Amino acid sequence: MYIIGIDIGKNNHEASIVDSAGKLIGKSCRFSNTHKGADKLMQHILKHIGNEPCIFGMEATGHYWYSIYSFLKSKDFTIYVINPIQSDSLRSMYIRQTKNDSKDSFLIAEVIRFGQFTTTSLADEDLLSMRQLCRYRDSVISDRTEIKLRINTIMEQIFPEYEKLFSSIWRSSSISILQTYLTPEYIAEATVDELFAIIKDKSHNRLTISKAIELRETAANTFGIKIAQDAFAFQLKQLFDRLNLLNEQLTSLETEIASYYNKFNCCLHTIPGIGLVAAATILAEIGDIFRFKNASSLVAYAGIDPSVKQSGQFNSTHNHMSKRGSPYVRHAIFLAATTCVFHNSPLNNYYKKKRAQGKHHLTAVGAVSNKLTTIIYAVLRDNAPYEPKKFAA
């Protein structure tokens, strides 16, 4: 059996062939990330090992490995994709020096030969699709957040008192007022009945006519900028149009993500505070749970384990998350933990326990994230719904 290690690059890759004893076969092959380059790789393999059985190994470097992975997969080769988190430790295993530029591709081949590796989760097409959509959703949410910040900035200039009129500027009643009138000048020109009709409908009768009166009077007496109102109104109109489009896209995107998640026999969504989209994101980033030998391995992969600060006899007692692992799964788990602490569950009790110990809110949520990761590991490992009794704090 021959092993072919591929060092992934943006435009060009490098491949090295080793035999079962670790002997380098021929020189490394540099090939482009194109059809022509892939054909060159196949010719290189045929030249040196003919049709002998072989397997491939590569690191998941950004998205640049997808094409060559797809090409090799179509030819029914066995491919192991190593997660980049292992790179530092893998390079410490490098026990030889080569006399060419194939050090990394040779190293990858050696790692596969030694068998000391875990593979990335992106081996299944549905899992890859779900991961792509979940990461895309993160970018859409970032775009939406940026637009909201820009709207806030404009409102602080033209109507600084507005944010105090509602519990949140992004409540349905508030958004409806802003999208209808845009500026304090137009709000002040509206009748109380017109304003009340909107806030009554959107607040489901929670807000009274006094809120409409307060809104109109505050708009008329705002200390905000009085000039260039048309320009601000035009800008707000476009920003709200983009915001509405992103909201529509998020709705359809989350439906698509849920449809992929439902293809898997997964119970992550049974954990209180983890919805279908959060469960899909976590599953897509983790993949096969059995590539982790225990919960601690998953915690380390997510980078939720505490960093260790030690010097001589000093040991820090205020350590932060190591953040060494996958930023995507760490972000997903941290957001899920933030939601979990507000549910009536052992995780909520655990959060309260940490707060009672004097821990800062974020520190307590970090501790919940760690505990949640162990729960996620158990739920995926056992492929069984969450049971609170098993995870009591």
Protein backbone atom coordinates (compact mmCIF):
# COMPACT_ATOMS: atom_id res chain seq x y z
CA MET A 1 0.00 0.00 0.00
CA TYR A 2 1.32 3.42 -0.99
CA ILE A 3 0.42 6.69 0.68
CA ILE A 4 0.28 9.98 -1.20
CA GLY A 5 0.47 13.13 0.88
CA ILE A 6 -0.77 16.35 -0.69
CA ASP A 7 0.27 19.76 0.60
CA ILE A 8 -2.60 22.08 -0.33
CA GLY A 9 -2.05 25.56 -1.74
CA LYS A 10 -4.28 28.21 -3.29
CA ASN A 11 -3.15 27.75 -6.89
CA ASN A 12 -0.76 24.80 -6.70
CA HIS A 13 -0.48 21.63 -4.64
CA GLU A 14 2.50 19.38 -3.93
CA ALA A 15 2.31 15.58 -3.67
CA SER A 16 4.74 13.04 -2.25
CA ILE A 17 4.50 9.24 -2.44
CA VAL A 18 5.78 6.98 0.33
CA ASP A 19 5.62 3.21 0.68
CA SER A 20 4.49 1.24 3.72
CA ALA A 21 7.99 1.51 5.20
CA GLY A 22 8.08 5.29 4.88
CA LYS A 23 10.44 5.38 1.90
CA LEU A 24 9.96 8.35 -0.41
CA ILE A 25 9.16 7.18 -3.94
CA GLY A 26 10.59 9.50 -6.57
CA LYS A 27 10.52 13.26 -6.32
CA SER A 28 7.54 15.31 -5.23
CA CYS A 29 5.05 16.43 -7.87
CA ARG A 30 3.93 20.04 -8.03
CA PHE A 31 0.63 20.44 -9.86
CA SER A 32 -1.92 23.20 -10.39
CA ASN A 33 -5.42 23.25 -8.97
CA THR A 34 -6.93 22.60 -12.41
CA HIS A 35 -8.02 19.67 -14.60
CA LYS A 36 -4.60 19.75 -16.23
CA GLY A 37 -2.91 19.70 -12.82
CA ALA A 38 -5.02 16.78 -11.62
CA ASP A 39 -4.14 14.84 -14.76
CA LYS A 40 -0.48 15.57 -14.08
CA LEU A 41 -0.85 14.08 -10.59
CA MET A 42 -2.45 10.93 -12.02
CA GLN A 43 0.40 10.56 -14.53
CA HIS A 44 2.96 11.02 -11.76
CA ILE A 45 1.32 8.27 -9.70
CA LEU A 46 1.06 5.94 -12.69
CA LYS A 47 4.73 6.50 -13.51
CA HIS A 48 6.00 5.65 -10.01
CA ILE A 49 3.61 3.02 -8.63
CA GLY A 50 1.47 2.02 -11.59
CA ASN A 51 -1.92 0.71 -10.55
CA GLU A 52 -0.81 -0.39 -7.09
CA PRO A 53 -3.29 0.32 -4.23
CA CYS A 54 -2.84 3.76 -2.71
CA ILE A 55 -4.52 6.15 -0.31
CA PHE A 56 -4.35 9.92 -0.07
CA GLY A 57 -3.87 12.34 2.79
CA MET A 58 -4.21 16.13 2.84
CA GLU A 59 -4.84 18.96 5.27
CA ALA A 60 -8.12 20.89 5.22
CA THR A 61 -6.53 24.21 4.25
CA GLY A 62 -9.33 26.74 3.87
CA HIS A 63 -11.53 25.75 0.95
CA TYR A 64 -8.65 25.08 -1.43
CA TRP A 65 -8.71 21.29 -0.92
CA TYR A 66 -12.32 20.83 -2.03
CA SER A 67 -11.59 20.54 -5.77
CA ILE A 68 -8.80 17.97 -5.59
CA TYR A 69 -10.75 16.06 -2.93
CA SER A 70 -13.79 15.96 -5.22
CA PHE A 71 -11.63 14.86 -8.17
CA LEU A 72 -10.02 11.99 -6.23
CA LYS A 73 -13.34 10.99 -4.69
CA SER A 74 -14.86 10.66 -8.17
CA LYS A 75 -12.15 8.11 -8.93
CA ASP A 76 -13.04 6.08 -5.82
CA PHE A 77 -9.77 6.70 -3.98
CA THR A 78 -9.63 6.57 -0.20
CA ILE A 79 -8.83 10.03 1.11
CA TYR A 80 -8.03 11.15 4.63
CA VAL A 81 -8.45 14.86 5.30
CA ILE A 82 -6.58 15.98 8.41
CA ASN A 83 -7.87 18.92 10.39
CA PRO A 84 -5.32 21.79 10.52
CA ILE A 85 -5.57 21.95 14.33
CA GLN A 86 -3.22 18.97 14.36
CA SER A 87 -0.53 20.66 12.28
CA ASP A 88 1.76 21.73 15.10
CA SER A 89 1.74 18.36 16.83
CA LEU A 90 2.01 16.52 13.52
CA ARG A 91 5.11 18.44 12.55
CA SER A 92 6.74 17.43 15.80
CA MET A 93 6.46 13.87 14.49
CA TYR A 94 8.62 14.73 11.49
CA ILE A 95 11.67 12.53 12.01
CA ARG A 96 13.53 12.99 8.72
CA GLN A 97 14.74 15.76 6.51
CA THR A 98 14.11 15.62 2.78
CA LYS A 99 16.38 17.24 0.22
CA ASN A 100 13.58 18.90 -1.77
CA ASP A 101 10.58 21.12 -1.21
CA SER A 102 8.25 18.22 -0.40
CA LYS A 103 8.62 18.41 3.37
CA ASP A 104 4.97 19.13 4.11
CA SER A 105 3.51 16.68 1.61
CA PHE A 106 5.95 14.01 2.83
CA LEU A 107 5.01 14.76 6.44
CA ILE A 108 1.30 14.38 5.69
CA ALA A 109 1.98 11.03 4.02
CA GLU A 110 3.98 9.93 7.08
CA VAL A 111 1.20 10.97 9.43
CA ILE A 112 -1.27 8.85 7.47
CA ARG A 113 1.21 5.96 7.55
CA PHE A 114 1.63 6.25 11.32
CA GLY A 115 -2.15 6.40 11.75
CA GLN A 116 -1.89 9.12 14.40
CA PHE A 117 -4.56 11.46 13.12
CA THR A 118 -8.25 12.31 13.12
CA THR A 119 -10.02 13.21 9.93
CA THR A 120 -12.11 16.26 9.19
CA SER A 121 -15.88 16.06 9.30
CA LEU A 122 -16.25 16.96 5.64
CA ALA A 123 -16.36 13.50 4.16
CA ASP A 124 -20.10 13.35 3.59
CA GLU A 125 -21.72 15.44 0.85
CA ASP A 126 -24.77 16.32 2.96
CA LEU A 127 -22.52 17.28 5.86
CA LEU A 128 -20.39 19.45 3.59
CA SER A 129 -23.51 21.10 2.17
CA MET A 130 -24.88 21.78 5.64
CA ARG A 131 -21.56 23.17 6.82
CA GLN A 132 -21.35 25.51 3.83
CA LEU A 133 -24.88 26.79 4.46
CA CYS A 134 -24.28 27.24 8.20
CA ARG A 135 -21.10 29.23 7.59
CA TYR A 136 -22.88 31.26 4.93
CA ARG A 137 -25.62 31.99 7.46
CA ASP A 138 -22.97 33.39 9.82
CA SER A 139 -21.87 35.81 7.11
CA VAL A 140 -25.46 36.87 6.38
CA ILE A 141 -26.03 37.54 10.08
CA SER A 142 -22.82 39.60 10.15
CA ASP A 143 -24.09 41.63 7.19
CA ARG A 144 -27.40 42.17 8.95
CA THR A 145 -25.66 43.27 12.14
CA GLU A 146 -23.59 45.79 10.17
CA ILE A 147 -26.74 47.27 8.63
CA LYS A 148 -28.41 47.53 12.04
CA LEU A 149 -25.37 49.35 13.39
CA ARG A 150 -25.53 51.83 10.51
CA ILE A 151 -29.22 52.43 11.14
CA ASN A 152 -28.47 52.99 14.82
CA THR A 153 -25.76 55.50 13.92
CA ILE A 154 -28.13 57.50 11.74
CA MET A 155 -30.86 57.48 14.39
CA GLU A 156 -28.39 58.74 16.99
CA GLN A 157 -27.77 61.73 14.73
CA ILE A 158 -31.29 62.63 13.63
CA PHE A 159 -33.41 61.32 16.55
CA PRO A 160 -31.18 60.57 19.59
CA GLU A 161 -34.20 60.25 21.92
CA TYR A 162 -35.81 57.49 19.87
CA GLU A 163 -34.04 54.51 21.47
CA LYS A 164 -35.52 55.42 24.84
CA LEU A 165 -39.08 55.31 23.51
CA PHE A 166 -39.05 51.53 23.05
CA SER A 167 -37.51 48.67 25.00
CA SER A 168 -35.54 47.96 21.82
CA ILE A 169 -35.27 49.81 18.55
CA TRP A 170 -35.62 46.42 16.85
CA ARG A 171 -39.00 45.54 18.34
CA SER A 172 -41.71 45.03 15.74
CA SER A 173 -43.61 48.19 16.69
CA SER A 174 -40.46 50.32 16.54
CA ILE A 175 -39.32 48.91 13.19
CA SER A 176 -42.76 49.49 11.67
CA ILE A 177 -42.73 53.13 12.73
CA LEU A 178 -39.23 53.69 11.34
CA GLN A 179 -39.90 51.98 8.02
CA THR A 180 -43.13 53.94 7.58
CA TYR A 181 -41.88 57.41 8.51
CA LEU A 182 -38.04 57.15 8.50
CA THR A 183 -37.26 60.53 10.13
CA PRO A 184 -38.52 62.47 13.18
CA GLU A 185 -39.79 65.20 10.83
CA TYR A 186 -42.21 62.76 9.17
CA ILE A 187 -43.17 61.20 12.50
CA ALA A 188 -44.05 64.64 13.88
CA GLU A 189 -46.24 65.34 10.83
CA ALA A 190 -48.23 62.12 11.31
CA THR A 191 -51.44 62.09 13.34
CA VAL A 192 -51.65 60.38 16.71
CA ASP A 193 -54.25 58.00 15.32
CA GLU A 194 -51.94 56.96 12.47
CA LEU A 195 -49.08 56.28 14.84
CA PHE A 196 -51.32 54.47 17.31
CA ALA A 197 -52.77 52.21 14.60
CA ILE A 198 -49.26 50.95 13.83
CA ILE A 199 -47.97 50.43 17.35
CA LYS A 200 -51.27 48.91 18.52
CA ASP A 201 -51.17 46.32 15.75
CA LYS A 202 -47.47 45.47 16.04
CA SER A 203 -47.41 45.36 19.84
CA HIS A 204 -50.57 43.22 19.96
CA ASN A 205 -52.40 45.86 22.02
CA ARG A 206 -49.64 46.10 24.63
CA LEU A 207 -48.87 49.74 23.82
CA THR A 208 -51.51 52.40 24.39
CA ILE A 209 -52.31 55.68 22.68
CA SER A 210 -50.10 57.45 25.21
CA LYS A 211 -47.10 55.90 23.48
CA ALA A 212 -48.22 57.39 20.16
CA ILE A 213 -48.61 60.82 21.79
CA GLU A 214 -45.18 60.55 23.42
CA LEU A 215 -43.62 59.45 20.14
CA ARG A 216 -45.09 62.38 18.18
CA GLU A 217 -44.16 64.99 20.79
CA THR A 218 -40.62 63.66 21.19
CA ALA A 219 -40.12 63.69 17.41
CA ALA A 220 -41.31 67.28 17.20
CA ASN A 221 -38.87 68.37 19.90
CA THR A 222 -35.88 66.20 19.07
CA PHE A 223 -32.41 67.63 19.54
CA GLY A 224 -31.21 65.72 16.50
CA ILE A 225 -29.89 67.14 13.24
CA LYS A 226 -32.53 69.23 11.47
CA ILE A 227 -30.78 69.57 8.11
CA ALA A 228 -30.37 67.10 5.24
CA GLN A 229 -33.46 65.16 6.32
CA ASP A 230 -34.18 63.92 2.78
CA ALA A 231 -30.68 62.46 2.47
CA PHE A 232 -31.01 60.65 5.80
CA ALA A 233 -34.46 59.38 4.82
CA PHE A 234 -33.13 58.08 1.49
CA GLN A 235 -30.26 56.29 3.22
CA LEU A 236 -32.55 54.76 5.84
CA LYS A 237 -34.96 53.57 3.15
CA GLN A 238 -32.19 51.71 1.35
CA LEU A 239 -30.81 50.26 4.56
CA PHE A 240 -34.22 48.96 5.58
CA ASP A 241 -34.74 47.48 2.12
CA ARG A 242 -31.46 45.59 2.49
CA LEU A 243 -32.35 44.56 6.03
CA ASN A 244 -35.69 43.15 4.89
CA LEU A 245 -34.00 41.26 2.07
CA LEU A 246 -31.48 39.72 4.46
CA ASN A 247 -34.28 38.73 6.83
CA GLU A 248 -36.10 36.99 3.97
CA GLN A 249 -32.90 35.25 2.91
CA LEU A 250 -32.22 34.10 6.47
CA THR A 251 -35.70 32.59 6.71
CA SER A 252 -35.27 30.54 3.53
CA LEU A 253 -31.65 29.73 4.42
CA GLU A 254 -32.62 28.38 7.84
CA THR A 255 -35.35 26.29 6.24
CA GLU A 256 -32.75 24.80 3.90
CA ILE A 257 -30.34 24.13 6.78
CA ALA A 258 -33.12 22.41 8.74
CA SER A 259 -33.92 20.21 5.75
CA TYR A 260 -30.32 18.98 5.69
CA TYR A 261 -30.22 18.48 9.45
CA ASN A 262 -33.36 16.35 9.31
CA LYS A 263 -31.53 13.93 7.02
CA PHE A 264 -29.33 12.94 9.95
CA ASN A 265 -30.46 10.81 12.84
CA CYS A 266 -29.28 13.41 15.34
CA CYS A 267 -30.60 14.39 18.77
CA LEU A 268 -28.68 17.60 19.43
CA HIS A 269 -31.84 19.68 19.11
CA THR A 270 -33.24 17.90 22.19
CA ILE A 271 -30.77 19.78 24.39
CA PRO A 272 -32.63 22.77 25.94
CA GLY A 273 -31.57 25.99 24.22
CA ILE A 274 -30.28 24.34 21.04
CA GLY A 275 -32.60 24.81 18.08
CA LEU A 276 -32.41 23.09 14.72
CA VAL A 277 -30.07 25.64 13.17
CA ALA A 278 -27.68 25.63 16.15
CA ALA A 279 -27.79 21.82 16.18
CA ALA A 280 -27.07 21.73 12.44
CA THR A 281 -24.11 24.09 12.83
CA ILE A 282 -22.59 22.06 15.67
CA LEU A 283 -23.13 18.75 13.89
CA ALA A 284 -21.69 20.09 10.62
CA GLU A 285 -18.54 21.29 12.34
CA ILE A 286 -18.03 18.18 14.49
CA GLY A 287 -18.98 15.50 11.96
CA ASP A 288 -18.22 11.97 13.10
CA ILE A 289 -18.11 12.07 16.90
CA PHE A 290 -16.10 8.85 17.04
CA ARG A 291 -13.01 10.60 15.72
CA PHE A 292 -12.79 12.07 19.25
CA LYS A 293 -11.70 9.56 21.88
CA ASN A 294 -13.50 11.36 24.70
CA ALA A 295 -15.34 14.54 25.67
CA SER A 296 -12.07 16.27 26.60
CA SER A 297 -10.85 15.81 23.03
CA LEU A 298 -13.96 17.54 21.71
CA VAL A 299 -13.58 20.34 24.26
CA ALA A 300 -9.98 20.84 23.08
CA TYR A 301 -11.05 20.73 19.41
CA ALA A 302 -13.58 23.47 20.09
CA GLY A 303 -10.95 25.50 21.97
CA ILE A 304 -13.23 25.76 25.00
CA ASP A 305 -10.69 24.26 27.37
CA PRO A 306 -8.97 26.83 29.62
CA SER A 307 -5.53 28.00 28.61
CA VAL A 308 -2.81 27.24 31.15
CA LYS A 309 -0.57 30.06 32.34
CA GLN A 310 2.30 28.79 34.42
CA SER A 311 5.71 30.21 35.24
CA GLY A 312 7.89 28.56 37.86
CA GLN A 313 5.68 28.02 40.87
CA PHE A 314 3.01 30.43 39.61
CA ASN A 315 -0.25 29.02 38.28
CA SER A 316 -2.86 31.46 36.99
CA THR A 317 -6.35 31.00 38.39
CA HIS A 318 -7.95 33.38 35.86
CA ASN A 319 -7.40 31.52 32.62
CA HIS A 320 -9.30 32.23 29.44
CA MET A 321 -10.47 29.82 26.76
CA SER A 322 -7.54 28.47 24.80
CA LYS A 323 -9.30 29.18 21.47
CA ARG A 324 -6.96 26.73 19.77
CA GLY A 325 -9.56 24.74 17.89
CA SER A 326 -12.28 25.33 15.34
CA PRO A 327 -13.60 28.91 15.66
CA TYR A 328 -16.85 27.87 13.98
CA VAL A 329 -17.81 25.13 16.41
CA ARG A 330 -16.59 27.25 19.35
CA HIS A 331 -18.78 30.17 18.27
CA ALA A 332 -21.80 27.90 17.75
CA ILE A 333 -21.42 26.23 21.15
CA PHE A 334 -20.84 29.54 22.95
CA LEU A 335 -24.01 31.02 21.42
CA ALA A 336 -25.92 27.86 22.33
CA ALA A 337 -24.60 28.09 25.89
CA THR A 338 -25.73 31.72 26.08
CA THR A 339 -29.25 30.54 25.21
CA CYS A 340 -29.09 27.47 27.46
CA VAL A 341 -28.45 29.51 30.61
CA PHE A 342 -31.93 31.01 30.32
CA HIS A 343 -33.69 27.63 30.23
CA ASN A 344 -34.87 25.74 33.28
CA SER A 345 -32.26 23.03 33.12
CA PRO A 346 -29.10 21.82 34.90
CA LEU A 347 -27.17 24.17 32.63
CA ASN A 348 -29.10 27.12 34.01
CA ASN A 349 -28.45 25.88 37.54
CA TYR A 350 -24.77 25.45 36.70
CA TYR A 351 -24.62 29.04 35.40
CA LYS A 352 -26.25 30.34 38.60
CA LYS A 353 -23.78 28.31 40.64
CA LYS A 354 -20.82 29.95 38.86
CA ARG A 355 -22.33 33.40 39.25
CA ALA A 356 -22.86 32.73 42.96
CA GLN A 357 -19.16 31.94 43.15
CA GLY A 358 -18.46 35.46 41.95
CA LYS A 359 -17.70 34.60 38.33
CA HIS A 360 -18.27 37.23 35.65
CA HIS A 361 -21.20 36.56 33.30
CA LEU A 362 -18.94 35.70 30.36
CA THR A 363 -16.74 33.49 32.54
CA ALA A 364 -19.82 31.65 33.76
CA VAL A 365 -21.08 31.23 30.18
CA GLY A 366 -17.64 29.90 29.25
CA ALA A 367 -17.95 27.29 31.99
CA VAL A 368 -21.41 26.40 30.70
CA SER A 369 -19.94 26.09 27.19
CA ASN A 370 -17.43 23.57 28.50
CA LYS A 371 -20.14 21.54 30.23
CA LEU A 372 -22.42 21.83 27.20
CA THR A 373 -19.67 20.42 25.00
CA THR A 374 -19.45 17.32 27.19
CA ILE A 375 -23.23 16.95 26.89
CA ILE A 376 -23.00 17.33 23.11
CA TYR A 377 -20.35 14.64 23.04
CA ALA A 378 -22.53 12.23 25.03
CA VAL A 379 -25.67 12.90 22.99
CA LEU A 380 -23.80 12.34 19.71
CA ARG A 381 -21.91 9.31 21.04
CA ASP A 382 -25.03 7.59 22.37
CA ASN A 383 -27.24 8.90 19.55
CA ALA A 384 -29.92 9.42 22.18
CA PRO A 385 -32.03 12.41 23.26
CA TYR A 386 -30.83 14.65 26.08
CA GLU A 387 -31.84 13.51 29.57
CA PRO A 388 -31.37 16.12 32.34
CA LYS A 389 -30.84 13.50 35.07
CA LYS A 390 -27.68 12.28 33.37
CA PHE A 391 -26.09 15.72 33.40
CA ALA A 392 -27.16 17.25 36.69
CA ALA A 393 -24.67 19.83 37.92
